[in-house]
Amino acid sequence: MAESAALSNLSAVVCCGVKLSISLYEFEASLGSASRALKNLGSDIAHFCSVLKQVQSFLHKAKSFKVLP
């Protein structure tokens, strides 16, 4: 049960990160000549979310295996 809660929390973090990344890109685009740092921050968040999605996928796969004593 704790695993599904952890996966659910991880999904929530990934979704928030993706939304934040999209918002930052849109904000940067609306400013036109915004600093490069803002665009890099959005890119970093997108990459971090990608890593979290891979971790989530790995945990889903690992959940289906049984550990033998």
Protein backbone atom coordinates (compact mmCIF):
# COMPACT_ATOMS: atom_id res chain seq x y z
CA MET A 1 0.00 0.00 0.00
CA ALA A 2 2.85 2.37 0.80
CA GLU A 3 4.30 1.77 -2.68
CA SER A 4 1.14 2.96 -4.40
CA ALA A 5 1.09 6.08 -2.20
CA ALA A 6 4.71 6.78 -3.11
CA LEU A 7 3.94 6.33 -6.81
CA SER A 8 0.93 8.59 -6.49
CA ASN A 9 3.02 11.26 -4.79
CA LEU A 10 5.70 10.92 -7.44
CA SER A 11 3.06 11.36 -10.15
CA ALA A 12 1.84 14.52 -8.46
CA VAL A 13 5.38 15.92 -8.31
CA VAL A 14 5.93 15.09 -12.00
CA CYS A 15 2.66 16.77 -13.01
CA CYS A 16 3.46 19.89 -11.00
CA GLY A 17 6.94 20.02 -12.48
CA VAL A 18 5.63 19.73 -16.01
CA LYS A 19 3.07 22.47 -15.40
CA LEU A 20 5.74 24.69 -13.87
CA SER A 21 8.07 24.09 -16.79
CA ILE A 22 5.35 24.96 -19.31
CA SER A 23 4.43 28.08 -17.35
CA LEU A 24 8.05 29.22 -17.28
CA TYR A 25 8.41 28.70 -21.03
CA GLU A 26 5.21 30.66 -21.67
CA PHE A 27 6.32 33.41 -19.31
CA GLU A 28 9.71 33.63 -21.00
CA ALA A 29 8.07 33.74 -24.42
CA SER A 30 5.75 36.56 -23.35
CA LEU A 31 8.70 38.64 -22.17
CA GLY A 32 10.48 38.24 -25.47
CA SER A 33 13.96 39.25 -24.41
CA ALA A 34 13.96 37.63 -20.96
CA SER A 35 17.20 36.45 -19.54
CA ARG A 36 18.60 33.15 -20.65
CA ALA A 37 18.58 31.98 -17.03
CA LEU A 38 14.78 31.81 -16.97
CA LYS A 39 14.70 29.65 -20.07
CA ASN A 40 17.43 27.41 -18.63
CA LEU A 41 15.44 27.00 -15.42
CA GLY A 42 12.41 25.79 -17.37
CA SER A 43 14.63 23.37 -19.27
CA ASP A 44 16.19 22.07 -16.05
CA ILE A 45 12.77 21.46 -14.52
CA ALA A 46 11.64 19.62 -17.67
CA HIS A 47 14.73 17.39 -17.50
CA PHE A 48 14.16 16.73 -13.81
CA CYS A 49 10.56 15.71 -14.53
CA SER A 50 11.79 13.37 -17.23
CA VAL A 51 14.06 11.67 -14.72
CA LEU A 52 11.18 11.40 -12.24
CA LYS A 53 9.00 9.81 -14.93
CA GLN A 54 11.73 7.21 -15.52
CA VAL A 55 11.93 6.52 -11.79
CA GLN A 56 8.16 6.17 -11.67
CA SER A 57 8.21 3.73 -14.57
CA PHE A 58 10.95 1.71 -12.90
CA LEU A 59 8.99 1.58 -9.64
CA HIS A 60 5.85 0.41 -11.47
CA LYS A 61 7.84 -2.40 -13.07
CA ALA A 62 9.60 -3.30 -9.82
CA LYS A 63 6.26 -3.44 -8.01
CA SER A 64 5.19 -6.41 -10.14
CA PHE A 65 8.15 -8.54 -9.02
CA LYS A 66 8.00 -10.68 -5.91
CA VAL A 67 10.98 -10.86 -3.60
CA LEU A 68 11.72 -14.42 -2.58
CA PRO A 69 13.15 -15.08 0.89
